[in-house]
Every structure is written in structure tokens, then in C-alpha cells.
Amino acid sequence: EYLNKNVTFEIAKEAEKKRAEEMQKKLLSLETDNNKLTSDISNSEEERKKLEQLNLETKKLCSETETKLKAAIEETEQSEIVMQDFEAKQIALAEERDRISAELNAEREKLLSLSNQHATVTREKEDHLSTIGALNSEID
């Protein structure tokens, strides 16, 4: 019976030793898993910080772009006002040119008419002088 107890004790001791080894393996596995999870969390935290930084940079770029866009829109509006003013001045100048051109044409017509009248008067004068010359010849 002593031997039987000794064998039972040794069997129990071996079984306990195996359980301890299995527990040790599980503990190592859990430690490995824990280390991996800790690393993953750390990596996730780094990624989150990178994303936050990228988000801030994106917001800054959006703000700068919005400012530039507003300036461009304002510049375009100012250019449109200038163009409208320029077009109005062009129309006014064209109207002034047309008015002056019409006046010039009227003055040309008057000059032509006066020229024709002068030519007629000159011919009539020559006719009268010729007639006077002929009458003076008859009188003498």
C-alpha cells in the first residue's frame, strides 16, 4: 500500500507538473497576445495621431483655399465691373464717333453745296462779264 500511495503520488505529481507546464505555456501565450495587443494599441494610437495631424493640415489647406477662392471671386467681380464700365465707355465713344461723323458728313455736304454754288456764281459772273464785254463792244 505504501508503494501504491507512492506511485499514486508520483502520478499526481507528474499530472500536476504537466498542468503547470500547460499553464506556463498558456501564460506565455497570453503574455505574447497581450504584448501584441499592446503593440497594436500603440500603433493604433500613432495612426490616430497621424490622422489627427493630417486632418488639421487638411483643414488648414481648406481654409487657405477658401480664402484664395474668395479673393479670386472678388477679383473676378471687380474685373466684371471694370469690363462693364469699359463697355459703357466704348458705347459712349462709338456714339460720339457716330455723332461727329454725321456732323462731318453734314459739313462736307454744305461744303459741296457751297462749292457748287460758287462754281455756278463764277459761271454766271463769267457769263455776265462776257455779256457786258459784248454790250460794251456794241456800245463803242
N, C-alpha and C. Protein backbone atom coordinates (compact mmCIF):
# COMPACT_ATOMS: atom_id res chain seq x y z
N GLU A 1 0.82 -1.18 0.00
CA GLU A 1 0.00 0.00 0.00
C GLU A 1 0.87 1.26 0.00
N TYR A 2 1.99 1.19 0.67
CA TYR A 2 2.91 2.32 0.67
C TYR A 2 3.39 2.57 -0.74
N LEU A 3 3.69 1.52 -1.45
CA LEU A 3 4.16 1.62 -2.82
C LEU A 3 3.05 2.17 -3.70
N ASN A 4 1.88 1.71 -3.46
CA ASN A 4 0.72 2.16 -4.20
C ASN A 4 0.50 3.66 -3.99
N LYS A 5 0.65 4.10 -2.76
CA LYS A 5 0.50 5.52 -2.46
C LYS A 5 1.61 6.32 -3.11
N ASN A 6 2.79 5.75 -3.09
CA ASN A 6 3.95 6.41 -3.68
C ASN A 6 3.74 6.55 -5.19
N VAL A 7 3.25 5.53 -5.85
CA VAL A 7 3.00 5.56 -7.30
C VAL A 7 1.89 6.55 -7.59
N THR A 8 0.85 6.52 -6.79
CA THR A 8 -0.26 7.46 -6.97
C THR A 8 0.24 8.88 -6.79
N PHE A 9 1.10 9.09 -5.79
CA PHE A 9 1.67 10.40 -5.54
C PHE A 9 2.53 10.84 -6.72
N GLU A 10 3.32 9.95 -7.25
CA GLU A 10 4.19 10.27 -8.39
C GLU A 10 3.34 10.59 -9.62
N ILE A 11 2.26 9.83 -9.81
CA ILE A 11 1.37 10.07 -10.95
C ILE A 11 0.72 11.44 -10.78
N ALA A 12 0.26 11.71 -9.58
CA ALA A 12 -0.37 13.00 -9.30
C ALA A 12 0.65 14.12 -9.48
N LYS A 13 1.87 13.87 -9.03
CA LYS A 13 2.94 14.87 -9.14
C LYS A 13 3.23 15.14 -10.62
N GLU A 14 3.30 14.07 -11.44
CA GLU A 14 3.55 14.22 -12.87
C GLU A 14 2.40 14.96 -13.53
N ALA A 15 1.18 14.61 -13.14
CA ALA A 15 0.00 15.27 -13.71
C ALA A 15 0.02 16.76 -13.34
N GLU A 16 0.38 17.07 -12.10
CA GLU A 16 0.47 18.46 -11.62
C GLU A 16 1.56 19.20 -12.38
N LYS A 17 2.67 18.49 -12.63
CA LYS A 17 3.79 19.08 -13.36
C LYS A 17 3.35 19.42 -14.79
N LYS A 18 2.60 18.48 -15.43
CA LYS A 18 2.10 18.70 -16.78
C LYS A 18 1.14 19.89 -16.80
N ARG A 19 0.26 19.95 -15.82
CA ARG A 19 -0.68 21.08 -15.74
C ARG A 19 0.06 22.39 -15.55
N ALA A 20 1.12 22.35 -14.75
CA ALA A 20 1.93 23.56 -14.51
C ALA A 20 2.60 23.99 -15.82
N GLU A 21 3.12 22.99 -16.57
CA GLU A 21 3.75 23.31 -17.86
C GLU A 21 2.72 23.89 -18.84
N GLU A 22 1.53 23.26 -18.85
CA GLU A 22 0.46 23.77 -19.73
C GLU A 22 0.06 25.19 -19.32
N MET A 23 -0.05 25.40 -18.02
CA MET A 23 -0.39 26.73 -17.51
C MET A 23 0.70 27.73 -17.89
N GLN A 24 1.97 27.28 -17.81
CA GLN A 24 3.10 28.13 -18.18
C GLN A 24 3.02 28.49 -19.66
N LYS A 25 2.70 27.46 -20.51
CA LYS A 25 2.56 27.71 -21.95
C LYS A 25 1.41 28.70 -22.21
N LYS A 26 0.27 28.48 -21.50
CA LYS A 26 -0.87 29.38 -21.66
C LYS A 26 -0.50 30.78 -21.22
N LEU A 27 0.24 30.87 -20.12
CA LEU A 27 0.66 32.17 -19.59
C LEU A 27 1.56 32.87 -20.61
N LEU A 28 2.52 32.11 -21.20
CA LEU A 28 3.40 32.69 -22.23
C LEU A 28 2.57 33.13 -23.45
N SER A 29 1.61 32.29 -23.83
CA SER A 29 0.75 32.64 -24.95
C SER A 29 -0.05 33.90 -24.65
N LEU A 30 -0.58 33.98 -23.43
CA LEU A 30 -1.35 35.17 -23.03
C LEU A 30 -0.45 36.41 -22.99
N GLU A 31 0.79 36.23 -22.52
CA GLU A 31 1.73 37.35 -22.48
C GLU A 31 2.06 37.82 -23.91
N THR A 32 2.23 36.84 -24.82
CA THR A 32 2.50 37.17 -26.23
C THR A 32 1.31 37.91 -26.82
N ASP A 33 0.11 37.37 -26.57
CA ASP A 33 -1.10 38.04 -27.06
C ASP A 33 -1.22 39.44 -26.47
N ASN A 34 -0.93 39.58 -25.18
CA ASN A 34 -1.00 40.88 -24.50
C ASN A 34 0.00 41.86 -25.13
N ASN A 35 1.22 41.36 -25.38
CA ASN A 35 2.24 42.22 -25.99
C ASN A 35 1.80 42.67 -27.40
N LYS A 36 1.22 41.72 -28.15
CA LYS A 36 0.74 42.06 -29.49
C LYS A 36 -0.37 43.09 -29.41
N LEU A 37 -1.32 42.89 -28.50
CA LEU A 37 -2.42 43.84 -28.35
C LEU A 37 -1.90 45.22 -27.93
N THR A 38 -0.94 45.22 -27.02
CA THR A 38 -0.34 46.48 -26.57
C THR A 38 0.33 47.18 -27.75
N SER A 39 1.04 46.41 -28.57
CA SER A 39 1.70 46.96 -29.76
C SER A 39 0.66 47.50 -30.74
N ASP A 40 -0.42 46.71 -30.93
CA ASP A 40 -1.49 47.16 -31.83
C ASP A 40 -2.12 48.45 -31.33
N ILE A 41 -2.37 48.52 -30.03
CA ILE A 41 -2.95 49.73 -29.44
C ILE A 41 -2.00 50.91 -29.66
N SER A 42 -0.72 50.66 -29.44
CA SER A 42 0.28 51.72 -29.62
C SER A 42 0.30 52.18 -31.08
N ASN A 43 0.29 51.19 -32.00
CA ASN A 43 0.26 51.53 -33.42
C ASN A 43 -1.02 52.28 -33.79
N SER A 44 -2.13 51.84 -33.22
CA SER A 44 -3.40 52.50 -33.48
C SER A 44 -3.37 53.94 -32.97
N GLU A 45 -2.76 54.12 -31.83
CA GLU A 45 -2.64 55.47 -31.25
C GLU A 45 -1.78 56.35 -32.15
N GLU A 46 -0.69 55.78 -32.66
CA GLU A 46 0.17 56.54 -33.58
C GLU A 46 -0.58 56.89 -34.86
N GLU A 47 -1.32 55.92 -35.37
CA GLU A 47 -2.11 56.17 -36.57
C GLU A 47 -3.16 57.24 -36.32
N ARG A 48 -3.80 57.18 -35.15
CA ARG A 48 -4.81 58.19 -34.79
C ARG A 48 -4.18 59.57 -34.75
N LYS A 49 -2.99 59.65 -34.15
CA LYS A 49 -2.29 60.95 -34.08
C LYS A 49 -1.93 61.44 -35.47
N LYS A 50 -1.47 60.52 -36.33
CA LYS A 50 -1.15 60.90 -37.71
C LYS A 50 -2.40 61.41 -38.43
N LEU A 51 -3.51 60.68 -38.23
CA LEU A 51 -4.76 61.10 -38.87
C LEU A 51 -5.23 62.45 -38.34
N GLU A 52 -5.07 62.67 -37.04
CA GLU A 52 -5.43 63.98 -36.48
C GLU A 52 -4.58 65.08 -37.10
N GLN A 53 -3.28 64.80 -37.25
CA GLN A 53 -2.37 65.79 -37.86
C GLN A 53 -2.77 66.05 -39.31
N LEU A 54 -3.06 64.97 -40.05
CA LEU A 54 -3.49 65.13 -41.43
C LEU A 54 -4.81 65.91 -41.50
N ASN A 55 -5.70 65.64 -40.56
CA ASN A 55 -6.98 66.35 -40.51
C ASN A 55 -6.74 67.84 -40.29
N LEU A 56 -5.84 68.19 -39.36
CA LEU A 56 -5.52 69.59 -39.11
C LEU A 56 -4.91 70.25 -40.35
N GLU A 57 -3.99 69.53 -41.00
CA GLU A 57 -3.37 70.07 -42.22
C GLU A 57 -4.42 70.26 -43.32
N THR A 58 -5.33 69.30 -43.44
CA THR A 58 -6.39 69.40 -44.44
C THR A 58 -7.29 70.59 -44.15
N LYS A 59 -7.65 70.78 -42.88
CA LYS A 59 -8.48 71.93 -42.51
C LYS A 59 -7.77 73.23 -42.84
N LYS A 60 -6.46 73.28 -42.57
CA LYS A 60 -5.68 74.49 -42.85
C LYS A 60 -5.67 74.75 -44.36
N LEU A 61 -5.41 73.68 -45.15
CA LEU A 61 -5.41 73.83 -46.61
C LEU A 61 -6.78 74.28 -47.13
N CYS A 62 -7.83 73.71 -46.55
CA CYS A 62 -9.18 74.10 -46.97
C CYS A 62 -9.43 75.57 -46.66
N SER A 63 -9.00 75.99 -45.49
CA SER A 63 -9.17 77.39 -45.10
C SER A 63 -8.39 78.31 -46.03
N GLU A 64 -7.14 77.94 -46.34
CA GLU A 64 -6.33 78.75 -47.25
C GLU A 64 -6.96 78.78 -48.64
N THR A 65 -7.44 77.63 -49.09
CA THR A 65 -8.07 77.55 -50.41
C THR A 65 -9.34 78.40 -50.44
N GLU A 66 -10.11 78.33 -49.38
CA GLU A 66 -11.34 79.12 -49.30
C GLU A 66 -11.02 80.62 -49.35
N THR A 67 -9.98 81.02 -48.64
CA THR A 67 -9.56 82.43 -48.65
C THR A 67 -9.14 82.84 -50.06
N LYS A 68 -8.34 81.98 -50.71
CA LYS A 68 -7.90 82.29 -52.07
C LYS A 68 -9.09 82.33 -53.03
N LEU A 69 -10.04 81.42 -52.84
CA LEU A 69 -11.22 81.37 -53.70
C LEU A 69 -12.05 82.64 -53.52
N LYS A 70 -12.24 83.07 -52.28
CA LYS A 70 -12.99 84.31 -52.03
C LYS A 70 -12.29 85.49 -52.69
N ALA A 71 -10.96 85.54 -52.57
CA ALA A 71 -10.20 86.63 -53.20
C ALA A 71 -10.36 86.58 -54.72
N ALA A 72 -10.31 85.38 -55.29
CA ALA A 72 -10.46 85.23 -56.74
C ALA A 72 -11.86 85.65 -57.18
N ILE A 73 -12.86 85.29 -56.40
CA ILE A 73 -14.24 85.67 -56.73
C ILE A 73 -14.38 87.19 -56.68
N GLU A 74 -13.83 87.79 -55.64
CA GLU A 74 -13.88 89.25 -55.51
C GLU A 74 -13.15 89.93 -56.67
N GLU A 75 -12.00 89.38 -57.02
CA GLU A 75 -11.23 89.94 -58.14
C GLU A 75 -12.01 89.81 -59.45
N THR A 76 -12.68 88.67 -59.62
CA THR A 76 -13.49 88.45 -60.82
C THR A 76 -14.65 89.45 -60.86
N GLU A 77 -15.29 89.66 -59.71
CA GLU A 77 -16.39 90.62 -59.66
C GLU A 77 -15.90 92.03 -59.99
N GLN A 78 -14.72 92.39 -59.44
CA GLN A 78 -14.15 93.70 -59.74
C GLN A 78 -13.83 93.81 -61.23
N SER A 79 -13.28 92.73 -61.79
CA SER A 79 -12.97 92.72 -63.22
C SER A 79 -14.24 92.89 -64.05
N GLU A 80 -15.31 92.23 -63.63
CA GLU A 80 -16.58 92.36 -64.35
C GLU A 80 -17.08 93.79 -64.31
N ILE A 81 -16.95 94.45 -63.14
CA ILE A 81 -17.36 95.85 -63.02
C ILE A 81 -16.52 96.72 -63.94
N VAL A 82 -15.22 96.48 -63.94
CA VAL A 82 -14.32 97.25 -64.81
C VAL A 82 -14.69 97.02 -66.28
N MET A 83 -14.97 95.76 -66.64
CA MET A 83 -15.35 95.44 -68.02
C MET A 83 -16.67 96.12 -68.40
N GLN A 84 -17.63 96.12 -67.49
CA GLN A 84 -18.90 96.79 -67.77
C GLN A 84 -18.69 98.28 -67.97
N ASP A 85 -17.85 98.88 -67.13
CA ASP A 85 -17.52 100.30 -67.26
C ASP A 85 -16.82 100.55 -68.59
N PHE A 86 -15.88 99.67 -68.93
CA PHE A 86 -15.15 99.79 -70.20
C PHE A 86 -16.11 99.69 -71.38
N GLU A 87 -17.04 98.73 -71.32
CA GLU A 87 -18.01 98.55 -72.40
C GLU A 87 -18.91 99.77 -72.53
N ALA A 88 -19.33 100.34 -71.38
CA ALA A 88 -20.17 101.54 -71.41
C ALA A 88 -19.40 102.70 -72.04
N LYS A 89 -18.11 102.83 -71.70
CA LYS A 89 -17.29 103.88 -72.30
C LYS A 89 -17.11 103.64 -73.80
N GLN A 90 -16.94 102.37 -74.19
CA GLN A 90 -16.82 102.05 -75.61
C GLN A 90 -18.08 102.45 -76.36
N ILE A 91 -19.23 102.17 -75.77
CA ILE A 91 -20.51 102.52 -76.40
C ILE A 91 -20.62 104.04 -76.52
N ALA A 92 -20.28 104.75 -75.43
CA ALA A 92 -20.34 106.21 -75.45
C ALA A 92 -19.39 106.77 -76.52
N LEU A 93 -18.18 106.19 -76.60
CA LEU A 93 -17.22 106.65 -77.62
C LEU A 93 -17.74 106.37 -79.03
N ALA A 94 -18.34 105.22 -79.22
CA ALA A 94 -18.89 104.88 -80.54
C ALA A 94 -20.02 105.85 -80.91
N GLU A 95 -20.88 106.15 -79.93
CA GLU A 95 -21.95 107.11 -80.18
C GLU A 95 -21.38 108.49 -80.51
N GLU A 96 -20.36 108.91 -79.78
CA GLU A 96 -19.70 110.20 -80.03
C GLU A 96 -19.05 110.20 -81.41
N ARG A 97 -18.40 109.09 -81.79
CA ARG A 97 -17.79 108.96 -83.11
C ARG A 97 -18.85 109.08 -84.20
N ASP A 98 -19.98 108.37 -83.98
CA ASP A 98 -21.06 108.42 -84.97
C ASP A 98 -21.63 109.84 -85.10
N ARG A 99 -21.79 110.53 -83.97
CA ARG A 99 -22.31 111.90 -83.98
C ARG A 99 -21.36 112.82 -84.73
N ILE A 100 -20.04 112.71 -84.41
CA ILE A 100 -19.04 113.54 -85.08
C ILE A 100 -18.98 113.21 -86.57
N SER A 101 -19.08 111.93 -86.89
CA SER A 101 -19.06 111.50 -88.29
C SER A 101 -20.27 112.09 -89.03
N ALA A 102 -21.44 112.08 -88.39
CA ALA A 102 -22.64 112.65 -89.01
C ALA A 102 -22.46 114.16 -89.21
N GLU A 103 -21.91 114.84 -88.20
CA GLU A 103 -21.66 116.28 -88.33
C GLU A 103 -20.67 116.54 -89.46
N LEU A 104 -19.63 115.73 -89.53
CA LEU A 104 -18.62 115.88 -90.59
C LEU A 104 -19.25 115.69 -91.96
N ASN A 105 -20.10 114.68 -92.09
CA ASN A 105 -20.78 114.44 -93.37
C ASN A 105 -21.68 115.62 -93.74
N ALA A 106 -22.37 116.16 -92.73
CA ALA A 106 -23.23 117.33 -92.98
C ALA A 106 -22.39 118.52 -93.44
N GLU A 107 -21.25 118.71 -92.78
CA GLU A 107 -20.36 119.81 -93.16
C GLU A 107 -19.80 119.58 -94.56
N ARG A 108 -19.48 118.36 -94.92
CA ARG A 108 -19.00 118.05 -96.28
C ARG A 108 -20.07 118.39 -97.32
N GLU A 109 -21.31 117.98 -96.99
CA GLU A 109 -22.41 118.28 -97.91
C GLU A 109 -22.59 119.79 -98.07
N LYS A 110 -22.49 120.54 -96.97
CA LYS A 110 -22.59 122.00 -97.05
C LYS A 110 -21.46 122.55 -97.91
N LEU A 111 -20.23 122.03 -97.67
CA LEU A 111 -19.07 122.49 -98.44
C LEU A 111 -19.26 122.19 -99.93
N LEU A 112 -19.76 120.99 -100.21
CA LEU A 112 -20.01 120.62 -101.61
C LEU A 112 -21.06 121.54 -102.22
N SER A 113 -22.11 121.79 -101.45
CA SER A 113 -23.17 122.68 -101.94
C SER A 113 -22.62 124.08 -102.18
N LEU A 114 -21.81 124.58 -101.22
CA LEU A 114 -21.20 125.91 -101.39
C LEU A 114 -20.26 125.93 -102.58
N SER A 115 -19.51 124.83 -102.75
CA SER A 115 -18.60 124.71 -103.90
C SER A 115 -19.39 124.76 -105.21
N ASN A 116 -20.50 124.04 -105.25
CA ASN A 116 -21.35 124.03 -106.44
C ASN A 116 -21.93 125.43 -106.69
N GLN A 117 -22.39 126.08 -105.59
CA GLN A 117 -22.93 127.43 -105.71
C GLN A 117 -21.85 128.39 -106.21
N HIS A 118 -20.63 128.22 -105.67
CA HIS A 118 -19.52 129.09 -106.09
C HIS A 118 -19.24 128.89 -107.58
N ALA A 119 -19.24 127.61 -108.00
CA ALA A 119 -18.99 127.32 -109.41
C ALA A 119 -20.09 127.95 -110.28
N THR A 120 -21.33 127.83 -109.82
CA THR A 120 -22.46 128.41 -110.56
C THR A 120 -22.33 129.93 -110.62
N VAL A 121 -22.04 130.55 -109.48
CA VAL A 121 -21.89 132.01 -109.42
C VAL A 121 -20.74 132.45 -110.31
N THR A 122 -19.63 131.67 -110.26
CA THR A 122 -18.46 132.01 -111.09
C THR A 122 -18.83 131.93 -112.57
N ARG A 123 -19.57 130.88 -112.99
CA ARG A 123 -20.01 130.75 -114.39
C ARG A 123 -20.93 131.91 -114.77
N GLU A 124 -21.88 132.21 -113.87
CA GLU A 124 -22.82 133.31 -114.14
C GLU A 124 -22.06 134.63 -114.26
N LYS A 125 -21.05 134.81 -113.36
CA LYS A 125 -20.24 136.02 -113.38
C LYS A 125 -19.52 136.12 -114.72
N GLU A 126 -18.92 135.00 -115.14
CA GLU A 126 -18.21 134.97 -116.42
C GLU A 126 -19.18 135.26 -117.57
N ASP A 127 -20.39 134.67 -117.46
CA ASP A 127 -21.42 134.93 -118.49
C ASP A 127 -21.78 136.42 -118.51
N HIS A 128 -21.96 137.00 -117.32
CA HIS A 128 -22.33 138.42 -117.22
C HIS A 128 -21.19 139.28 -117.74
N LEU A 129 -19.95 138.91 -117.37
CA LEU A 129 -18.81 139.69 -117.83
C LEU A 129 -18.69 139.59 -119.36
N SER A 130 -18.95 138.42 -119.87
CA SER A 130 -18.91 138.21 -121.32
C SER A 130 -20.01 139.06 -121.98
N THR A 131 -21.20 139.02 -121.37
CA THR A 131 -22.32 139.80 -121.89
C THR A 131 -21.99 141.29 -121.80
N ILE A 132 -21.45 141.71 -120.68
CA ILE A 132 -21.06 143.13 -120.51
C ILE A 132 -20.00 143.50 -121.54
N GLY A 133 -19.03 142.59 -121.72
CA GLY A 133 -17.99 142.84 -122.72
C GLY A 133 -18.59 142.98 -124.11
N ALA A 134 -19.56 142.11 -124.43
CA ALA A 134 -20.21 142.17 -125.75
C ALA A 134 -21.03 143.46 -125.87
N LEU A 135 -21.71 143.82 -124.78
CA LEU A 135 -22.52 145.06 -124.81
C LEU A 135 -21.60 146.28 -124.93
N ASN A 136 -20.49 146.25 -124.23
CA ASN A 136 -19.53 147.36 -124.31
C ASN A 136 -18.96 147.44 -125.72
N SER A 137 -18.77 146.34 -126.38
CA SER A 137 -18.27 146.33 -127.75
C SER A 137 -19.31 146.94 -128.68
N GLU A 138 -20.58 146.63 -128.41
CA GLU A 138 -21.66 147.16 -129.25
C GLU A 138 -21.81 148.64 -129.02
N ILE A 139 -21.63 149.07 -127.81
CA ILE A 139 -21.78 150.49 -127.49
C ILE A 139 -20.66 151.25 -128.16
N ASP A 140 -19.54 150.84 -128.19
CA ASP A 140 -18.38 151.54 -128.78
C ASP A 140 -18.55 151.50 -130.23
